[in-house]
Structure formats: C-alpha cells, structure tokens
N, C-alpha and C. Protein backbone atom coordinates (compact mmCIF):
# COMPACT_ATOMS: atom_id res chain seq x y z
N MET A 1 0.80 -1.14 0.01
CA MET A 1 -0.03 0.00 -0.02
C MET A 1 0.94 1.26 -0.04
N SER A 2 0.69 2.09 -1.01
CA SER A 2 1.50 3.36 -1.09
C SER A 2 0.74 4.42 -0.43
N VAL A 3 1.20 5.01 0.73
CA VAL A 3 0.66 6.09 1.45
C VAL A 3 1.52 7.30 1.24
N ALA A 4 0.85 8.39 0.88
CA ALA A 4 1.57 9.67 0.80
C ALA A 4 0.79 10.74 1.57
N ILE A 5 1.46 11.53 2.30
CA ILE A 5 0.83 12.55 3.13
C ILE A 5 1.45 13.99 2.67
N ARG A 6 0.67 14.94 2.36
CA ARG A 6 1.12 16.17 1.93
C ARG A 6 0.26 17.29 2.48
N LYS A 7 0.82 18.53 2.44
CA LYS A 7 0.02 19.74 2.79
C LYS A 7 -1.10 19.90 1.83
N ALA A 8 -2.24 20.17 2.33
CA ALA A 8 -3.37 20.51 1.47
C ALA A 8 -3.19 21.86 0.78
N VAL A 9 -3.75 21.95 -0.47
CA VAL A 9 -3.76 23.19 -1.22
C VAL A 9 -5.26 23.60 -1.53
N PRO A 10 -5.48 24.78 -1.90
CA PRO A 10 -6.82 25.18 -2.19
C PRO A 10 -7.60 24.34 -3.23
N ASP A 11 -6.95 23.68 -4.02
CA ASP A 11 -7.63 22.67 -5.01
C ASP A 11 -8.12 21.49 -4.34
N ASP A 12 -7.68 21.25 -3.05
CA ASP A 12 -8.19 20.16 -2.22
C ASP A 12 -9.56 20.41 -1.48
N THR A 13 -10.02 21.63 -1.61
CA THR A 13 -11.07 22.07 -0.88
C THR A 13 -12.44 21.14 -1.13
N ASP A 14 -12.68 20.85 -2.28
CA ASP A 14 -13.84 20.04 -2.54
C ASP A 14 -13.66 18.71 -1.79
N ALA A 15 -12.50 18.03 -1.84
CA ALA A 15 -12.38 16.76 -1.25
C ALA A 15 -12.42 16.91 0.27
N ILE A 16 -11.85 17.95 0.90
CA ILE A 16 -12.01 18.24 2.26
C ILE A 16 -13.42 18.44 2.67
N TYR A 17 -14.08 19.21 1.88
CA TYR A 17 -15.57 19.43 2.15
C TYR A 17 -16.24 18.10 2.15
N ASN A 18 -16.05 17.24 1.27
CA ASN A 18 -16.72 15.94 1.20
C ASN A 18 -16.39 15.14 2.37
N MET A 19 -15.15 15.15 2.87
CA MET A 19 -14.75 14.33 4.14
C MET A 19 -15.33 14.97 5.36
N ILE A 20 -15.31 16.39 5.38
CA ILE A 20 -16.01 16.89 6.42
C ILE A 20 -17.50 16.60 6.60
N ASN A 21 -18.10 16.55 5.46
CA ASN A 21 -19.51 16.08 5.41
C ASN A 21 -19.70 14.65 5.85
N GLY A 22 -18.72 13.79 5.52
CA GLY A 22 -18.67 12.35 5.95
C GLY A 22 -18.48 12.35 7.47
N LEU A 23 -17.55 13.24 7.98
CA LEU A 23 -17.32 13.28 9.47
C LEU A 23 -18.65 13.68 10.07
N SER A 24 -19.30 14.72 9.57
CA SER A 24 -20.50 15.14 10.20
C SER A 24 -21.59 14.12 10.26
N VAL A 25 -21.66 13.22 9.20
CA VAL A 25 -22.68 12.11 9.28
C VAL A 25 -22.23 11.12 10.36
N TYR A 26 -21.00 10.81 10.37
CA TYR A 26 -20.33 9.87 11.38
C TYR A 26 -20.68 10.38 12.82
N ARG A 27 -20.49 11.62 13.04
CA ARG A 27 -20.81 12.28 14.32
C ARG A 27 -22.17 12.57 14.59
N GLU A 28 -23.07 12.17 13.62
CA GLU A 28 -24.56 12.40 13.77
C GLU A 28 -24.90 13.85 13.96
N ALA A 29 -24.18 14.60 13.31
CA ALA A 29 -24.51 16.18 13.38
C ALA A 29 -25.55 16.58 12.46
N PRO A 30 -26.22 17.60 12.76
CA PRO A 30 -27.34 18.12 11.85
C PRO A 30 -26.68 18.45 10.50
N PRO A 31 -27.47 18.29 9.45
CA PRO A 31 -26.96 18.46 8.06
C PRO A 31 -26.39 19.95 7.78
N ASP A 32 -26.96 20.94 8.57
CA ASP A 32 -26.44 22.33 8.33
C ASP A 32 -25.35 22.63 9.32
N ALA A 33 -24.71 21.62 9.88
CA ALA A 33 -23.64 21.88 10.91
C ALA A 33 -22.22 22.26 10.23
N ILE A 34 -22.17 22.08 8.93
CA ILE A 34 -20.79 22.31 8.37
C ILE A 34 -20.83 23.57 7.42
N PRO A 35 -19.69 24.20 7.31
CA PRO A 35 -19.60 25.36 6.42
C PRO A 35 -19.61 24.93 4.85
N GLY A 36 -19.92 25.82 4.05
CA GLY A 36 -19.92 25.52 2.63
C GLY A 36 -18.43 25.43 2.11
N VAL A 37 -18.36 24.98 0.81
CA VAL A 37 -17.12 24.79 0.16
C VAL A 37 -16.25 26.08 0.18
N GLU A 38 -16.92 27.21 -0.21
CA GLU A 38 -16.17 28.44 -0.41
C GLU A 38 -15.74 29.03 0.91
N GLU A 39 -16.56 28.79 2.00
CA GLU A 39 -16.16 29.23 3.25
C GLU A 39 -14.93 28.48 3.84
N ILE A 40 -14.86 27.24 3.55
CA ILE A 40 -13.75 26.43 3.93
C ILE A 40 -12.51 26.83 3.12
N ARG A 41 -12.67 27.18 1.87
CA ARG A 41 -11.52 27.57 0.97
C ARG A 41 -10.97 28.94 1.54
N THR A 42 -11.90 29.87 1.85
CA THR A 42 -11.40 31.27 2.20
C THR A 42 -10.89 31.19 3.70
N THR A 43 -11.23 30.38 4.51
CA THR A 43 -10.80 30.38 5.86
C THR A 43 -9.70 29.45 6.09
N LEU A 44 -9.76 28.24 5.57
CA LEU A 44 -8.73 27.31 5.82
C LEU A 44 -7.37 27.63 5.04
N PHE A 45 -7.48 28.33 3.88
CA PHE A 45 -6.41 28.67 3.19
C PHE A 45 -6.11 30.20 3.20
N ALA A 46 -6.58 30.90 4.12
CA ALA A 46 -6.42 32.25 4.15
C ALA A 46 -4.89 32.61 4.53
N GLU A 47 -4.42 33.69 4.19
CA GLU A 47 -3.02 34.02 4.44
C GLU A 47 -2.74 34.12 5.90
N ASP A 48 -3.77 34.62 6.66
CA ASP A 48 -3.54 34.82 8.18
C ASP A 48 -4.00 33.65 8.94
N THR A 49 -4.31 32.49 8.45
CA THR A 49 -4.89 31.40 9.22
C THR A 49 -3.79 30.77 10.04
N ASN A 50 -4.28 30.25 11.15
CA ASN A 50 -3.46 29.51 12.04
C ASN A 50 -3.56 27.98 11.81
N ALA A 51 -4.40 27.57 10.88
CA ALA A 51 -4.84 26.15 10.61
C ALA A 51 -3.95 25.68 9.48
N GLU A 52 -3.63 24.38 9.56
CA GLU A 52 -2.96 23.65 8.44
C GLU A 52 -3.78 22.41 8.17
N ALA A 53 -3.97 22.17 6.84
CA ALA A 53 -4.58 20.95 6.51
C ALA A 53 -3.65 19.98 5.75
N TYR A 54 -3.72 18.68 6.05
CA TYR A 54 -2.86 17.66 5.36
C TYR A 54 -3.79 16.62 4.83
N ILE A 55 -3.43 16.16 3.66
CA ILE A 55 -4.12 15.16 2.84
C ILE A 55 -3.45 13.85 2.88
N CYS A 56 -4.01 12.75 3.13
CA CYS A 56 -3.47 11.39 2.98
C CYS A 56 -4.09 10.73 1.66
N GLU A 57 -3.05 10.40 0.84
CA GLU A 57 -3.39 9.60 -0.34
C GLU A 57 -2.92 8.17 -0.29
N ILE A 58 -3.81 7.39 -0.67
CA ILE A 58 -3.45 5.92 -0.76
C ILE A 58 -3.62 5.44 -2.19
N GLU A 59 -2.52 5.08 -2.78
CA GLU A 59 -2.37 4.67 -4.15
C GLU A 59 -2.93 5.83 -5.07
N GLY A 60 -2.65 7.11 -4.69
CA GLY A 60 -3.02 8.26 -5.43
C GLY A 60 -4.39 8.77 -5.28
N ILE A 61 -5.24 8.06 -4.36
CA ILE A 61 -6.62 8.48 -4.08
C ILE A 61 -6.66 9.18 -2.62
N ILE A 62 -7.38 10.30 -2.58
CA ILE A 62 -7.44 11.00 -1.21
C ILE A 62 -8.29 10.00 -0.35
N ALA A 63 -7.77 9.71 0.73
CA ALA A 63 -8.32 8.82 1.57
C ALA A 63 -8.69 9.46 2.99
N GLY A 64 -8.00 10.53 3.24
CA GLY A 64 -8.32 11.16 4.53
C GLY A 64 -7.60 12.47 4.73
N TYR A 65 -7.88 13.20 5.76
CA TYR A 65 -7.25 14.47 5.92
C TYR A 65 -7.14 14.70 7.54
N ALA A 66 -6.35 15.69 7.85
CA ALA A 66 -6.17 16.16 9.17
C ALA A 66 -6.08 17.66 9.16
N VAL A 67 -6.58 18.38 10.18
CA VAL A 67 -6.49 19.82 10.28
C VAL A 67 -5.87 20.01 11.68
N ILE A 68 -4.76 20.82 11.81
CA ILE A 68 -4.18 21.18 13.00
C ILE A 68 -3.92 22.67 13.17
N SER A 69 -3.73 23.15 14.36
CA SER A 69 -3.41 24.47 14.65
C SER A 69 -2.48 24.51 15.73
N HIS A 70 -1.86 25.64 16.05
CA HIS A 70 -0.94 25.85 17.20
C HIS A 70 -1.66 26.44 18.28
N SER A 71 -1.29 26.01 19.49
CA SER A 71 -1.72 26.62 20.70
C SER A 71 -0.52 26.91 21.50
N TYR A 72 -0.63 27.47 22.72
CA TYR A 72 0.48 27.79 23.53
C TYR A 72 0.19 27.24 24.96
N SER A 73 1.12 26.57 25.56
CA SER A 73 0.95 26.00 26.92
C SER A 73 1.74 26.98 27.87
N THR A 74 1.16 27.59 28.71
CA THR A 74 1.83 28.43 29.73
C THR A 74 2.57 27.67 30.71
N TRP A 75 1.96 26.43 31.00
CA TRP A 75 2.63 25.50 31.95
C TRP A 75 3.93 24.99 31.47
N LEU A 76 4.09 24.94 30.12
CA LEU A 76 5.31 24.37 29.58
C LEU A 76 6.18 25.38 28.89
N GLY A 77 5.66 26.47 28.68
CA GLY A 77 6.40 27.58 27.96
C GLY A 77 6.62 27.18 26.49
N ARG A 78 5.85 26.32 25.91
CA ARG A 78 6.07 25.86 24.56
C ARG A 78 4.72 25.75 23.82
N HIS A 79 4.79 25.78 22.48
CA HIS A 79 3.67 25.54 21.66
C HIS A 79 3.14 24.17 21.73
N SER A 80 1.94 23.85 21.34
CA SER A 80 1.29 22.64 21.16
C SER A 80 0.64 22.53 19.91
N LEU A 81 0.31 21.33 19.41
CA LEU A 81 -0.53 21.17 18.31
C LEU A 81 -1.91 20.85 18.69
N ASN A 82 -2.82 21.39 18.19
CA ASN A 82 -4.24 20.98 18.37
C ASN A 82 -4.73 20.32 17.10
N MET A 83 -5.16 19.11 17.11
CA MET A 83 -5.69 18.38 16.03
C MET A 83 -7.15 18.52 16.00
N ASP A 84 -7.73 19.23 15.13
CA ASP A 84 -9.21 19.61 15.05
C ASP A 84 -9.79 18.33 14.35
N ASP A 85 -9.31 17.81 13.32
CA ASP A 85 -9.93 16.64 12.63
C ASP A 85 -8.83 15.68 12.29
N LEU A 86 -9.24 14.45 12.31
CA LEU A 86 -8.44 13.33 11.65
C LEU A 86 -9.47 12.36 11.21
N TYR A 87 -9.63 12.36 9.92
CA TYR A 87 -10.76 11.67 9.33
C TYR A 87 -10.27 10.85 8.11
N PHE A 88 -10.76 9.57 8.01
CA PHE A 88 -10.54 8.83 6.72
C PHE A 88 -11.94 8.24 6.31
N THR A 89 -12.14 8.16 5.04
CA THR A 89 -13.26 7.70 4.48
C THR A 89 -13.38 6.14 4.82
N PRO A 90 -14.62 5.60 4.95
CA PRO A 90 -14.79 4.28 5.52
C PRO A 90 -13.99 3.23 4.80
N ASP A 91 -13.79 3.29 3.46
CA ASP A 91 -13.06 2.32 2.74
C ASP A 91 -11.59 2.20 3.14
N TYR A 92 -11.07 3.23 3.75
CA TYR A 92 -9.60 3.37 4.05
C TYR A 92 -9.38 3.26 5.50
N ARG A 93 -10.35 2.90 6.36
CA ARG A 93 -10.10 2.81 7.74
C ARG A 93 -9.57 1.42 8.06
N GLY A 94 -8.81 1.33 9.08
CA GLY A 94 -8.20 0.05 9.54
C GLY A 94 -7.11 -0.42 8.66
N ARG A 95 -6.52 0.41 7.80
CA ARG A 95 -5.46 -0.01 6.93
C ARG A 95 -4.08 0.64 7.22
N GLY A 96 -4.11 1.30 8.34
CA GLY A 96 -2.87 1.93 8.88
C GLY A 96 -2.62 3.33 8.42
N ALA A 97 -3.47 3.91 7.54
CA ALA A 97 -3.23 5.22 7.10
C ALA A 97 -3.50 6.25 8.19
N GLY A 98 -4.47 5.97 9.03
CA GLY A 98 -4.72 6.93 10.16
C GLY A 98 -3.42 6.99 11.11
N LYS A 99 -2.88 5.86 11.35
CA LYS A 99 -1.68 5.88 12.16
C LYS A 99 -0.55 6.60 11.48
N ALA A 100 -0.43 6.40 10.17
CA ALA A 100 0.57 7.11 9.43
C ALA A 100 0.45 8.63 9.43
N MET A 101 -0.81 9.07 9.46
CA MET A 101 -1.18 10.49 9.42
C MET A 101 -0.84 11.01 10.78
N LEU A 102 -1.27 10.36 11.79
CA LEU A 102 -1.03 10.83 13.23
C LEU A 102 0.50 10.82 13.53
N GLN A 103 1.24 9.84 13.00
CA GLN A 103 2.74 9.86 13.14
C GLN A 103 3.28 10.97 12.33
N PHE A 104 2.90 11.36 11.19
CA PHE A 104 3.32 12.50 10.51
C PHE A 104 3.08 13.71 11.25
N ILE A 105 1.88 13.95 11.89
CA ILE A 105 1.59 15.09 12.80
C ILE A 105 2.57 15.09 14.02
N ALA A 106 2.85 13.86 14.57
CA ALA A 106 3.78 13.89 15.77
C ALA A 106 5.03 14.23 15.25
N GLN A 107 5.57 13.89 14.11
CA GLN A 107 6.85 14.39 13.65
C GLN A 107 6.89 15.88 13.43
N LEU A 108 5.71 16.37 12.94
CA LEU A 108 5.68 17.89 12.79
C LEU A 108 5.79 18.56 14.12
N ALA A 109 5.15 17.93 15.14
CA ALA A 109 5.24 18.54 16.43
C ALA A 109 6.57 18.42 17.04
N VAL A 110 7.24 17.38 16.83
CA VAL A 110 8.62 17.28 17.42
C VAL A 110 9.55 18.21 16.65
N SER A 111 9.48 18.34 15.27
CA SER A 111 10.31 19.25 14.52
C SER A 111 10.11 20.68 14.93
N ARG A 112 8.83 20.97 15.32
CA ARG A 112 8.58 22.38 15.73
C ARG A 112 8.80 22.68 17.20
N ARG A 113 9.27 21.64 17.92
CA ARG A 113 9.55 21.74 19.32
C ARG A 113 8.31 21.98 20.15
N CYS A 114 7.29 21.36 19.68
CA CYS A 114 5.89 21.42 20.42
C CYS A 114 5.95 20.39 21.66
N SER A 115 5.35 20.84 22.63
CA SER A 115 5.23 19.98 23.82
C SER A 115 4.31 18.78 23.71
N ARG A 116 3.37 18.87 22.86
CA ARG A 116 2.28 17.89 22.76
C ARG A 116 1.35 18.07 21.61
N ILE A 117 0.46 17.10 21.41
CA ILE A 117 -0.61 17.03 20.43
C ILE A 117 -1.84 16.89 21.25
N GLU A 118 -2.93 17.62 21.11
CA GLU A 118 -4.16 17.33 21.87
C GLU A 118 -5.23 17.33 20.74
N TRP A 119 -6.36 16.47 20.98
CA TRP A 119 -7.47 16.36 20.17
C TRP A 119 -8.65 15.86 21.01
N ASN A 120 -9.82 15.75 20.39
CA ASN A 120 -10.95 15.27 21.08
C ASN A 120 -11.37 14.01 20.41
N ALA A 121 -12.00 13.27 21.18
CA ALA A 121 -12.72 11.98 20.67
C ALA A 121 -14.23 11.98 21.28
N LEU A 122 -15.07 11.50 20.48
CA LEU A 122 -16.48 11.41 21.01
C LEU A 122 -16.51 10.26 21.98
N GLU A 123 -17.25 10.39 23.09
CA GLU A 123 -17.32 9.49 24.10
C GLU A 123 -17.73 7.98 23.61
N TRP A 124 -18.62 8.05 22.57
CA TRP A 124 -19.11 6.83 22.17
C TRP A 124 -18.31 6.16 21.07
N ASP A 125 -17.25 6.88 20.58
CA ASP A 125 -16.43 6.31 19.41
C ASP A 125 -15.36 5.37 19.90
N LYS A 126 -15.80 4.11 20.20
CA LYS A 126 -14.91 3.13 20.75
C LYS A 126 -13.75 2.86 19.82
N SER A 127 -13.91 2.84 18.55
CA SER A 127 -12.81 2.54 17.67
C SER A 127 -11.73 3.47 17.74
N ALA A 128 -12.11 4.75 17.71
CA ALA A 128 -11.17 5.91 17.84
C ALA A 128 -10.35 5.85 19.15
N LYS A 129 -11.18 5.64 20.24
CA LYS A 129 -10.51 5.52 21.50
C LYS A 129 -9.63 4.36 21.66
N ASP A 130 -10.08 3.23 21.08
CA ASP A 130 -9.11 2.04 21.07
C ASP A 130 -7.78 2.25 20.32
N PHE A 131 -7.98 2.96 19.15
CA PHE A 131 -6.82 3.33 18.35
C PHE A 131 -5.85 4.26 19.08
N TYR A 132 -6.42 5.32 19.76
CA TYR A 132 -5.62 6.28 20.53
C TYR A 132 -4.98 5.62 21.72
N ASN A 133 -5.58 4.73 22.31
CA ASN A 133 -4.96 3.94 23.46
C ASN A 133 -3.86 3.17 23.00
N SER A 134 -4.03 2.54 21.78
CA SER A 134 -2.91 1.65 21.13
C SER A 134 -1.68 2.38 20.99
N ILE A 135 -1.69 3.73 20.84
CA ILE A 135 -0.44 4.43 20.58
C ILE A 135 0.01 5.21 21.87
N ASP A 136 -0.61 4.84 23.01
CA ASP A 136 -0.19 5.42 24.23
C ASP A 136 -0.69 6.80 24.50
N ALA A 137 -1.73 7.32 23.66
CA ALA A 137 -2.27 8.61 23.95
C ALA A 137 -3.12 8.46 25.27
N LEU A 138 -3.10 9.67 25.98
CA LEU A 138 -3.78 9.60 27.29
C LEU A 138 -5.09 10.33 27.27
N PRO A 139 -6.13 9.80 27.71
CA PRO A 139 -7.37 10.63 27.88
C PRO A 139 -7.25 11.58 28.96
N LEU A 140 -7.71 12.75 28.79
CA LEU A 140 -7.62 13.78 29.80
C LEU A 140 -8.89 13.86 30.62
N ASN A 141 -9.09 12.88 31.50
CA ASN A 141 -10.29 12.72 32.25
C ASN A 141 -10.49 13.85 33.26
N GLU A 142 -9.48 14.41 33.61
CA GLU A 142 -9.52 15.52 34.71
C GLU A 142 -10.02 16.90 34.19
N TRP A 143 -9.98 17.04 32.87
CA TRP A 143 -10.37 18.30 32.28
C TRP A 143 -11.80 18.20 31.64
N VAL A 144 -12.66 19.27 31.65
CA VAL A 144 -13.94 19.29 31.19
C VAL A 144 -13.80 20.47 30.16
N ARG A 145 -14.06 20.14 28.82
CA ARG A 145 -14.02 21.07 27.81
C ARG A 145 -15.26 21.86 27.66
N TYR A 146 -15.21 23.22 27.60
CA TYR A 146 -16.35 24.04 27.47
C TYR A 146 -16.37 24.68 26.11
N ARG A 147 -17.58 25.13 25.69
CA ARG A 147 -17.67 25.70 24.44
C ARG A 147 -18.72 26.89 24.61
N LEU A 148 -18.32 28.03 24.07
CA LEU A 148 -19.29 29.22 23.95
C LEU A 148 -19.43 29.56 22.51
N ASP A 149 -20.64 29.25 22.00
CA ASP A 149 -20.81 29.55 20.51
C ASP A 149 -22.15 30.05 20.20
N GLY A 150 -22.39 30.37 18.99
CA GLY A 150 -23.73 30.74 18.52
C GLY A 150 -24.30 31.98 19.30
N PRO A 151 -25.60 31.88 19.45
CA PRO A 151 -26.26 32.97 20.16
C PRO A 151 -25.73 33.26 21.51
N ALA A 152 -25.30 32.19 22.29
CA ALA A 152 -24.68 32.46 23.62
C ALA A 152 -23.40 33.33 23.57
N LEU A 153 -22.54 33.02 22.42
CA LEU A 153 -21.33 33.77 22.22
C LEU A 153 -21.65 35.20 21.95
N GLU A 154 -22.63 35.42 21.05
CA GLU A 154 -23.03 36.74 20.64
C GLU A 154 -23.51 37.50 21.86
N ARG A 155 -24.34 36.86 22.56
CA ARG A 155 -25.04 37.51 23.74
C ARG A 155 -23.99 37.92 24.80
N PHE A 156 -23.11 37.12 25.06
CA PHE A 156 -22.09 37.33 26.04
C PHE A 156 -21.20 38.42 25.61
N ALA A 157 -20.73 38.33 24.41
CA ALA A 157 -19.81 39.33 23.71
C ALA A 157 -20.46 40.72 23.74
N SER A 158 -21.74 40.83 23.63
CA SER A 158 -22.35 42.19 23.57
C SER A 158 -22.73 42.82 24.98
N GLN A 159 -22.60 41.95 25.98
CA GLN A 159 -22.92 42.48 27.37
C GLN A 159 -21.91 43.48 27.77
N ILE A 160 -22.50 44.48 28.51
CA ILE A 160 -21.73 45.58 29.08
C ILE A 160 -21.23 45.10 30.45
N ILE A 161 -19.98 45.19 30.67
CA ILE A 161 -19.36 44.62 31.86
C ILE A 161 -19.08 45.89 32.72
N ASN A 162 -19.51 45.83 34.00
CA ASN A 162 -19.32 46.96 34.92
C ASN A 162 -18.12 46.77 35.70
C-alpha cells in the first residue's frame, strides 16, 4: 500500500468538504452543521490562518485528512499542536493510514519543538478511543472542555461589563 501525506492546497477544498460532510454524518451532526465549500476555501487557506490541513493519499486516491493549529502552553512555555480533525473515508479505515497520518503530525510537533498534540474524541467512538489507546495517547479525564458559541457567544460578547 502506497501512502503519501502532503500539505493540502486550495484545489483540495472539494475533497476536504466531502470528508467534513462524511465526518458530520459519522458524528450524527445536523446537516447544516458544516460550512460551505467556499467558506472552507477562504478560511482554511487564508493568508493569516493558524490552521494547516494535510491530505493522505493511498495509491493516489485521497483517503483522509487532518487539520491542525498551534496553541500555547503556559505551563510548559512551549507551543502545542491541536488536531481538530483526523478523518478517513470508510473504505480506508483500519489499513494503517490513520496511524501514518498521526505519526506524520507527531513528527511535525517534534520538529517544531511542540510539547504535545491534543485532540478530542467522542465518548461513544470506541474504535477511535481504542486506536488512541494503542499508541499510548492519554485521555484527559480531569479536564472538562467548554464551548461558547452561536447565540450564547453573541449575547455574552455584547454584554456591558461593569
């Protein structure tokens, strides 16, 4: 099996959109939960973006993608990589490509002197959790992730603080 990983380019946007759509179906998200193709193209590949997308090809066919961004750890005084997505189409799961992609991202982290890689997994996604456990990734059970978005974000942002 020939696996190639490369940085995504704007011409990959349609493929990335299709995989984001596949990911939203897998996550059982509402159909309108993902942005459109043009929004992805203009934000993911913007000159000032902090995000990087990578494509995994198997035998020349796009099989998966990952999106990462940098964050900063005040505890460690170093950058970290946040992996927002790691997704492979169903036909390419269980063939080692996901492990190759995550290892590629780990190599990026090491070469950039990052202290760690962090990502989320759905509580019910046993196959993902089994995979992450198999590479000695640690679940962060002591942390609770919070989100402020949509109308709550707008409402909070517009409040006058005394």
